[in-house]
C-alpha atoms as a PDB file:
ATOM      1  CA  UNK A   1      -5.245 238.273   2.473  1.00  0.00           C
ATOM      2  CA  UNK A   2      -1.949 239.372   4.230  1.00  0.00           C
ATOM      3  CA  UNK A   3       0.972 237.458   4.147  1.00  0.00           C
ATOM      4  CA  UNK A   4      -0.477 234.724   2.071  1.00  0.00           C
ATOM      5  CA  UNK A   5      -2.108 234.054   5.435  1.00  0.00           C
ATOM      6  CA  UNK A   6      -6.872 234.598   5.368  1.00  0.00           C
ATOM      7  CA  UNK A   7      -7.417 236.667   8.661  1.00  0.00           C
ATOM      8  CA  UNK A   8     -10.279 237.665   9.966  1.00  0.00           C
ATOM      9  CA  UNK A   9     -11.250 240.231  12.554  1.00  0.00           C
ATOM     10  CA  UNK A  10     -14.326 239.621  14.775  1.00  0.00           C
ATOM     11  CA  UNK A  11     -16.053 242.567  17.989  1.00  0.00           C
ATOM     12  CA  UNK A  12     -17.238 239.982  20.846  1.00  0.00           C
ATOM     13  CA  UNK A  13     -20.421 240.974  23.070  1.00  0.00           C
ATOM     14  CA  UNK A  14     -18.604 239.419  26.398  1.00  0.00           C
ATOM     15  CA  UNK A  15     -22.401 239.416  28.244  1.00  0.00           C
ATOM     16  CA  UNK A  16     -21.707 237.379  31.411  1.00  0.00           C
ATOM     17  CA  UNK A  17     -17.741 239.583  32.249  1.00  0.00           C
ATOM     18  CA  UNK A  18     -15.815 236.143  31.572  1.00  0.00           C
ATOM     19  CA  UNK A  19     -13.664 237.705  28.403  1.00  0.00           C
ATOM     20  CA  UNK A  20     -11.285 234.296  28.581  1.00  0.00           C
ATOM     21  CA  UNK A  21     -14.815 232.492  28.075  1.00  0.00           C
ATOM     22  CA  UNK A  22     -15.799 234.465  25.575  1.00  0.00           C
ATOM     23  CA  UNK A  23     -12.610 234.433  23.821  1.00  0.00           C
ATOM     24  CA  UNK A  24     -12.519 230.414  24.106  1.00  0.00           C
ATOM     25  CA  UNK A  25     -16.335 229.636  23.147  1.00  0.00           C
ATOM     26  CA  UNK A  26     -15.855 232.494  20.541  1.00  0.00           C
ATOM     27  CA  UNK A  27     -12.626 230.176  18.782  1.00  0.00           C
ATOM     28  CA  UNK A  28     -14.496 226.721  18.691  1.00  0.00           C
ATOM     29  CA  UNK A  29     -17.405 228.144  17.560  1.00  0.00           C
ATOM     30  CA  UNK A  30     -15.677 229.758  14.473  1.00  0.00           C
ATOM     31  CA  UNK A  31     -13.882 226.647  14.379  1.00  0.00           C
ATOM     32  CA  UNK A  32     -10.600 228.583  14.464  1.00  0.00           C
ATOM     33  CA  UNK A  33      -6.506 227.044  14.722  1.00  0.00           C
ATOM     34  CA  UNK A  34      -4.786 229.527  16.356  1.00  0.00           C
ATOM     35  CA  UNK A  35      -5.978 232.232  19.063  1.00  0.00           C
ATOM     36  CA  UNK A  36      -4.007 234.809  19.108  1.00  0.00           C
ATOM     37  CA  UNK A  37      -3.561 236.594  22.318  1.00  0.00           C
ATOM     38  CA  UNK A  38      -1.912 239.666  23.949  1.00  0.00           C
ATOM     39  CA  UNK A  39      -1.199 239.624  27.745  1.00  0.00           C
ATOM     40  CA  UNK A  40      -0.274 242.053  29.877  1.00  0.00           C
ATOM     41  CA  UNK A  41      -0.049 241.432  33.842  1.00  0.00           C
ATOM     42  CA  UNK A  42      -2.710 242.951  36.115  1.00  0.00           C
ATOM     43  CA  UNK A  43      -2.915 243.243  40.217  1.00  0.00           C
ATOM     44  CA  UNK A  44      -4.077 240.261  42.083  1.00  0.00           C
ATOM     45  CA  UNK A  45      -7.011 242.579  43.519  1.00  0.00           C
ATOM     46  CA  UNK A  46      -7.711 243.734  40.015  1.00  0.00           C
ATOM     47  CA  UNK A  47      -7.860 240.259  38.771  1.00  0.00           C
ATOM     48  CA  UNK A  48      -9.829 238.407  41.826  1.00  0.00           C
ATOM     49  CA  UNK A  49     -12.159 241.359  40.812  1.00  0.00           C
ATOM     50  CA  UNK A  50     -12.363 241.240  37.410  1.00  0.00           C
ATOM     51  CA  UNK A  51     -11.290 237.766  36.404  1.00  0.00           C
ATOM     52  CA  UNK A  52      -7.985 237.034  34.583  1.00  0.00           C
ATOM     53  CA  UNK A  53      -8.912 235.980  30.761  1.00  0.00           C
ATOM     54  CA  UNK A  54      -4.612 234.839  30.100  1.00  0.00           C
ATOM     55  CA  UNK A  55      -5.287 232.489  33.339  1.00  0.00           C
ATOM     56  CA  UNK A  56      -8.581 231.211  32.132  1.00  0.00           C
ATOM     57  CA  UNK A  57      -7.354 230.618  28.651  1.00  0.00           C
ATOM     58  CA  UNK A  58      -4.089 229.309  29.410  1.00  0.00           C
ATOM     59  CA  UNK A  59      -6.020 226.734  31.754  1.00  0.00           C
ATOM     60  CA  UNK A  60      -9.138 225.289  29.369  1.00  0.00           C
ATOM     61  CA  UNK A  61      -8.605 225.836  25.981  1.00  0.00           C
ATOM     62  CA  UNK A  62      -8.504 223.577  23.328  1.00  0.00           C
ATOM     63  CA  UNK A  63      -7.107 225.218  20.619  1.00  0.00           C
ATOM     64  CA  UNK A  64      -3.110 226.323  20.425  1.00  0.00           C
ATOM     65  CA  UNK A  65      -3.205 230.055  21.512  1.00  0.00           C
ATOM     66  CA  UNK A  66       0.257 232.145  19.945  1.00  0.00           C
ATOM     67  CA  UNK A  67       0.422 235.191  23.256  1.00  0.00           C
ATOM     68  CA  UNK A  68       2.374 238.217  23.185  1.00  0.00           C
ATOM     69  CA  UNK A  69       3.204 240.821  25.425  1.00  0.00           C
END
């Protein structure tokens, strides 16, 4: 417990290379009330090749997301 909040950290394997999908799937399966995510900008080419987790999460989330840069 930290500052009266029950917090748990998990490390997720990314078996299919889609980080955004893996994060959302884990959040739903764990019954999370909030997803906290750091964000940063990538070049369009890098996003095209590797995907963009932030964009995927914003487009597909059913859980509130707190983002910080």
